[in-house]
Amino acid sequence: MLMAKETSANSTEILPVAIRLRGIKLITLAAGLYLALRLIGIHKLVQNDAEGIGALVQIIGTLYSVVYAFAIYVIWGQFAAVEDAIQKEAGALQDLVVFSQALKETVREPLVRAVKTYVRGVVETEWGALAALSDTDKTDKFFIGVVSSVTSLKTDDETGRILYQQLLLIAHRASSHRNERLALSAKRMPRTLLVFVNLTASMILFLLLFFPFHNLALGLISVAITTMLLFFAHFVLTDLDNPFEGTWNVGVGPFAALVTKLR
């Protein structure tokens, strides 16, 4: 379900063109700044402090690694939990449709129609609403319709009553998975944590700009590579923070597949 957003009709890209261009501009800017500082002789002022600057870069780099790893662990756990809840909710809805096949067609039809309406609503509108942290009132009403279609079933025999109880349990399970999915979808990385990660990354790059490399080419390459890695790390962190938009996001596949089956 982890998908790369399509950036053209026939291909998907790990990094969209706009992101790659932004990264190239940032790398070029950092390398140019290092070159400018080198040409005006700033590195000569700190030449005797190379070991101290190197030690400081190592300390801040270690701190950055620990904080970044923690942030990615939390975000990825949330991302995976959203995927799992989507699979379970879609599976419960499919079970409703499958188990209801034992009912008479006239009794079953409102339930299938309610499930179809809800699933289509999820596919068409809910992903965008969750990405923007907006309310999901429309699909909430559709889901209430699914539950109502189950609770309003009328059965006369013992077999029907057993089936009715089973359908109620499935509807309750679907409701639990939906609530879990919506709760997880509303979580985002704390802004203070993002600021702290960005600050430590900026300090690493800042210190590297003043590091007195003996070889100019090596200095330019080091600054360019470090900028590229920090930019990509920032991109991954912020992109995964919102499971419903960006280059890597949770797909609507299970619900879309269910829509296709119900046609």
Protein backbone atom coordinates (compact mmCIF):
# COMPACT_ATOMS: atom_id res chain seq x y z
CA MET A 1 0.00 0.00 0.00
CA LEU A 2 2.96 2.31 0.26
CA MET A 3 2.82 4.19 -3.00
CA ALA A 4 4.81 6.82 -4.84
CA LYS A 5 2.59 9.56 -6.16
CA GLU A 6 2.39 9.58 -9.94
CA THR A 7 4.15 12.55 -11.49
CA SER A 8 3.46 11.58 -15.09
CA ALA A 9 0.93 9.46 -16.91
CA ASN A 10 3.18 6.45 -17.34
CA SER A 11 5.79 6.60 -14.59
CA THR A 12 6.30 7.15 -10.89
CA GLU A 13 9.29 8.85 -9.36
CA ILE A 14 10.90 8.53 -5.97
CA LEU A 15 11.64 12.26 -5.99
CA PRO A 16 9.31 14.60 -7.89
CA VAL A 17 10.90 17.01 -10.34
CA ALA A 18 10.08 20.03 -8.15
CA ILE A 19 11.80 18.42 -5.14
CA ARG A 20 14.86 17.48 -7.17
CA LEU A 21 15.17 21.00 -8.55
CA ARG A 22 14.86 22.42 -5.03
CA GLY A 23 17.57 20.05 -3.84
CA ILE A 24 19.89 20.96 -6.72
CA LYS A 25 19.41 24.66 -5.97
CA LEU A 26 20.18 24.12 -2.28
CA ILE A 27 23.28 22.04 -3.04
CA THR A 28 24.50 24.64 -5.53
CA LEU A 29 23.87 27.43 -3.03
CA ALA A 30 25.77 25.64 -0.25
CA ALA A 31 28.71 24.81 -2.52
CA GLY A 32 28.78 28.37 -3.84
CA LEU A 33 28.72 29.78 -0.32
CA TYR A 34 31.59 27.52 0.70
CA LEU A 35 33.57 28.60 -2.37
CA ALA A 36 32.91 32.29 -1.62
CA LEU A 37 34.02 31.91 1.99
CA ARG A 38 37.11 30.05 0.83
CA LEU A 39 38.02 32.71 -1.71
CA ILE A 40 37.79 35.54 0.82
CA GLY A 41 40.05 33.59 3.17
CA ILE A 42 37.67 32.79 6.03
CA HIS A 43 39.15 29.30 6.36
CA LYS A 44 42.55 30.80 7.26
CA LEU A 45 41.06 32.39 10.37
CA VAL A 46 39.91 29.02 11.72
CA GLN A 47 42.71 26.87 10.34
CA ASN A 48 44.16 26.26 13.79
CA ASP A 49 40.74 25.22 15.13
CA ALA A 50 40.11 22.43 12.62
CA GLU A 51 40.12 19.75 15.31
CA GLY A 52 37.67 21.67 17.47
CA ILE A 53 35.29 22.28 14.58
CA GLY A 54 35.57 18.62 13.59
CA ALA A 55 34.75 17.50 17.13
CA LEU A 56 31.77 19.85 17.27
CA VAL A 57 30.47 18.53 13.93
CA GLN A 58 30.79 14.99 15.26
CA ILE A 59 28.90 15.81 18.49
CA ILE A 60 26.07 17.60 16.70
CA GLY A 61 26.01 14.89 14.01
CA THR A 62 25.59 12.20 16.66
CA LEU A 63 22.79 14.16 18.29
CA TYR A 64 21.12 14.64 14.91
CA SER A 65 21.36 10.93 14.14
CA VAL A 66 19.72 9.93 17.42
CA VAL A 67 16.90 12.47 17.19
CA TYR A 68 16.28 11.75 13.51
CA ALA A 69 16.19 8.00 14.09
CA PHE A 70 13.67 8.48 16.91
CA ALA A 71 11.47 10.73 14.75
CA ILE A 72 11.53 8.30 11.81
CA TYR A 73 10.75 5.36 14.12
CA VAL A 74 7.68 7.11 15.54
CA ILE A 75 6.45 8.36 12.16
CA TRP A 76 6.99 5.03 10.43
CA GLY A 77 5.16 3.22 13.22
CA GLN A 78 2.21 5.55 12.80
CA PHE A 79 2.38 5.17 9.01
CA ALA A 80 2.31 1.38 9.26
CA ALA A 81 -0.55 1.50 11.79
CA VAL A 82 -2.65 3.59 9.39
CA GLU A 83 -2.01 1.07 6.61
CA ASP A 84 -3.00 -1.79 8.90
CA ALA A 85 -6.23 -0.06 9.97
CA ILE A 86 -7.15 0.59 6.33
CA GLN A 87 -6.68 -3.08 5.47
CA LYS A 88 -8.72 -4.23 8.45
CA GLU A 89 -11.58 -1.78 7.83
CA ALA A 90 -11.81 -2.67 4.13
CA GLY A 91 -11.71 -6.36 5.07
CA ALA A 92 -14.55 -5.95 7.59
CA LEU A 93 -16.69 -4.15 5.00
CA GLN A 94 -16.04 -6.92 2.52
CA ASP A 95 -17.06 -9.47 5.17
CA LEU A 96 -20.35 -7.60 5.58
CA VAL A 97 -21.06 -7.99 1.89
CA VAL A 98 -19.98 -11.64 1.80
CA PHE A 99 -21.89 -12.76 4.91
CA SER A 100 -25.02 -10.94 3.79
CA GLN A 101 -25.27 -13.15 0.70
CA ALA A 102 -27.36 -15.61 2.70
CA LEU A 103 -30.08 -12.97 3.03
CA LYS A 104 -32.89 -12.45 0.57
CA GLU A 105 -31.92 -10.06 -2.19
CA THR A 106 -34.59 -7.53 -1.22
CA VAL A 107 -33.33 -7.54 2.39
CA ARG A 108 -29.67 -7.50 1.43
CA GLU A 109 -29.83 -4.78 -1.22
CA PRO A 110 -29.97 -1.75 1.16
CA LEU A 111 -26.92 -3.04 3.06
CA VAL A 112 -24.86 -3.52 -0.10
CA ARG A 113 -25.94 -0.11 -1.38
CA ALA A 114 -24.93 1.54 1.91
CA VAL A 115 -21.51 -0.14 1.86
CA LYS A 116 -21.00 0.87 -1.76
CA THR A 117 -21.92 4.50 -1.03
CA TYR A 118 -19.60 4.66 1.96
CA VAL A 119 -16.63 3.06 0.22
CA ARG A 120 -17.02 5.32 -2.81
CA GLY A 121 -17.16 8.31 -0.49
CA VAL A 122 -13.92 7.23 1.19
CA VAL A 123 -12.19 6.85 -2.17
CA GLU A 124 -13.44 10.13 -3.61
CA THR A 125 -13.31 12.56 -0.69
CA GLU A 126 -11.92 11.23 2.58
CA TRP A 127 -8.24 10.94 1.57
CA GLY A 128 -8.12 14.64 0.69
CA ALA A 129 -9.93 15.61 3.89
CA LEU A 130 -7.55 13.57 6.04
CA ALA A 131 -4.52 15.03 4.26
CA ALA A 132 -5.75 18.54 5.08
CA LEU A 133 -6.80 17.56 8.62
CA SER A 134 -10.37 18.55 7.71
CA ASP A 135 -13.54 16.99 9.09
CA THR A 136 -14.96 13.81 7.61
CA ASP A 137 -18.63 14.58 8.19
CA LYS A 138 -19.69 13.36 4.75
CA THR A 139 -18.19 9.89 5.07
CA ASP A 140 -19.25 9.77 8.75
CA LYS A 141 -22.85 10.00 7.59
CA PHE A 142 -22.24 7.35 4.95
CA PHE A 143 -20.81 5.01 7.59
CA ILE A 144 -23.77 5.63 9.88
CA GLY A 145 -25.86 4.52 6.91
CA VAL A 146 -23.91 1.24 6.80
CA VAL A 147 -24.52 0.59 10.50
CA SER A 148 -28.20 1.53 10.16
CA SER A 149 -28.61 -0.86 7.23
CA VAL A 150 -27.38 -3.68 9.48
CA THR A 151 -29.39 -2.78 12.58
CA SER A 152 -32.58 -2.44 10.51
CA LEU A 153 -32.37 -5.98 9.14
CA LYS A 154 -35.47 -8.06 9.91
CA THR A 155 -35.17 -11.80 10.43
CA ASP A 156 -37.82 -14.33 11.42
CA ASP A 157 -36.03 -17.66 11.79
CA GLU A 158 -33.19 -18.86 14.01
CA THR A 159 -30.68 -18.96 11.14
CA GLY A 160 -31.52 -15.37 10.30
CA ARG A 161 -31.03 -14.27 13.88
CA ILE A 162 -27.61 -15.94 14.05
CA LEU A 163 -26.64 -14.25 10.80
CA TYR A 164 -27.93 -10.92 12.12
CA GLN A 165 -25.73 -11.21 15.21
CA GLN A 166 -22.73 -12.03 13.02
CA LEU A 167 -23.37 -9.01 10.82
CA LEU A 168 -23.66 -6.79 13.90
CA LEU A 169 -20.27 -8.01 15.14
CA ILE A 170 -18.70 -7.33 11.75
CA ALA A 171 -20.22 -3.83 11.63
CA HIS A 172 -18.88 -3.16 15.13
CA ARG A 173 -15.44 -4.35 14.03
CA ALA A 174 -15.53 -2.10 10.97
CA SER A 175 -16.52 0.83 13.20
CA SER A 176 -13.59 0.16 15.55
CA HIS A 177 -11.12 0.00 12.66
CA ARG A 178 -12.52 3.23 11.19
CA ASN A 179 -12.21 5.04 14.52
CA GLU A 180 -8.65 3.78 14.89
CA ARG A 181 -7.77 4.90 11.36
CA LEU A 182 -9.20 8.38 11.86
CA ALA A 183 -7.45 8.79 15.21
CA LEU A 184 -4.08 7.77 13.75
CA SER A 185 -4.61 9.93 10.67
CA ALA A 186 -4.94 13.09 12.76
CA LYS A 187 -1.52 12.68 14.39
CA ARG A 188 1.40 14.71 13.11
CA MET A 189 4.98 15.17 14.26
CA PRO A 190 5.28 17.86 16.98
CA ARG A 191 6.51 21.12 15.46
CA THR A 192 9.12 21.49 18.21
CA LEU A 193 10.66 18.14 17.23
CA LEU A 194 10.78 19.16 13.57
CA VAL A 195 12.39 22.50 14.48
CA PHE A 196 14.99 20.72 16.61
CA VAL A 197 15.85 18.26 13.82
CA ASN A 198 16.15 21.09 11.30
CA LEU A 199 18.25 23.18 13.69
CA THR A 200 20.79 20.43 14.30
CA ALA A 201 20.99 19.74 10.54
CA SER A 202 21.56 23.44 9.86
CA MET A 203 24.32 23.60 12.46
CA ILE A 204 26.11 20.65 10.86
CA LEU A 205 26.07 22.38 7.49
CA PHE A 206 27.01 25.75 8.99
CA LEU A 207 30.10 24.35 10.71
CA LEU A 208 31.08 22.43 7.60
CA LEU A 209 31.06 25.65 5.56
CA PHE A 210 33.85 26.99 7.79
CA PHE A 211 35.82 23.76 8.06
CA PRO A 212 39.35 24.42 6.72
CA PHE A 213 39.73 21.61 4.20
CA HIS A 214 43.26 21.59 2.75
CA ASN A 215 41.87 20.62 -0.65
CA LEU A 216 39.30 22.97 -2.20
CA ALA A 217 37.73 20.27 -4.37
CA LEU A 218 37.36 17.95 -1.37
CA GLY A 219 35.68 20.75 0.57
CA LEU A 220 33.21 21.44 -2.23
CA ILE A 221 32.38 17.75 -2.61
CA SER A 222 31.97 17.31 1.16
CA VAL A 223 29.62 20.29 1.44
CA ALA A 224 27.60 19.15 -1.59
CA ILE A 225 27.22 15.57 -0.34
CA THR A 226 26.31 16.65 3.19
CA THR A 227 23.74 19.13 1.86
CA MET A 228 22.23 16.45 -0.38
CA LEU A 229 21.93 13.93 2.45
CA LEU A 230 20.46 16.44 4.91
CA PHE A 231 17.99 17.67 2.30
CA PHE A 232 16.86 14.14 1.47
CA ALA A 233 16.59 13.25 5.18
CA HIS A 234 14.39 16.31 5.74
CA PHE A 235 12.26 15.40 2.72
CA VAL A 236 11.68 11.83 3.92
CA LEU A 237 10.79 13.01 7.42
CA THR A 238 8.24 15.62 6.33
CA ASP A 239 6.82 13.50 3.52
CA LEU A 240 6.05 10.50 5.72
CA ASP A 241 4.60 12.73 8.43
CA ASN A 242 1.37 13.03 6.41
CA PRO A 243 0.28 9.53 5.32
CA PHE A 244 -2.31 10.84 2.85
CA GLU A 245 -0.32 13.16 0.62
CA GLY A 246 3.20 13.51 -0.71
CA THR A 247 5.45 11.24 -2.69
CA TRP A 248 5.09 8.28 -0.32
CA ASN A 249 1.57 7.82 1.00
CA VAL A 250 -0.90 5.14 2.02
CA GLY A 251 -2.97 4.11 -0.96
CA VAL A 252 -6.72 3.87 -1.19
CA GLY A 253 -6.28 0.52 -2.93
CA PRO A 254 -8.30 -1.75 -0.57
CA PHE A 255 -11.32 0.56 -0.74
CA ALA A 256 -10.96 1.07 -4.49
CA ALA A 257 -10.82 -2.70 -4.98
CA LEU A 258 -13.99 -3.06 -2.93
CA VAL A 259 -15.75 -0.43 -5.08
CA THR A 260 -14.82 -2.46 -8.16
CA LYS A 261 -16.20 -5.67 -6.64
CA LEU A 262 -19.49 -4.01 -5.74
CA ARG A 263 -20.18 -2.74 -9.24
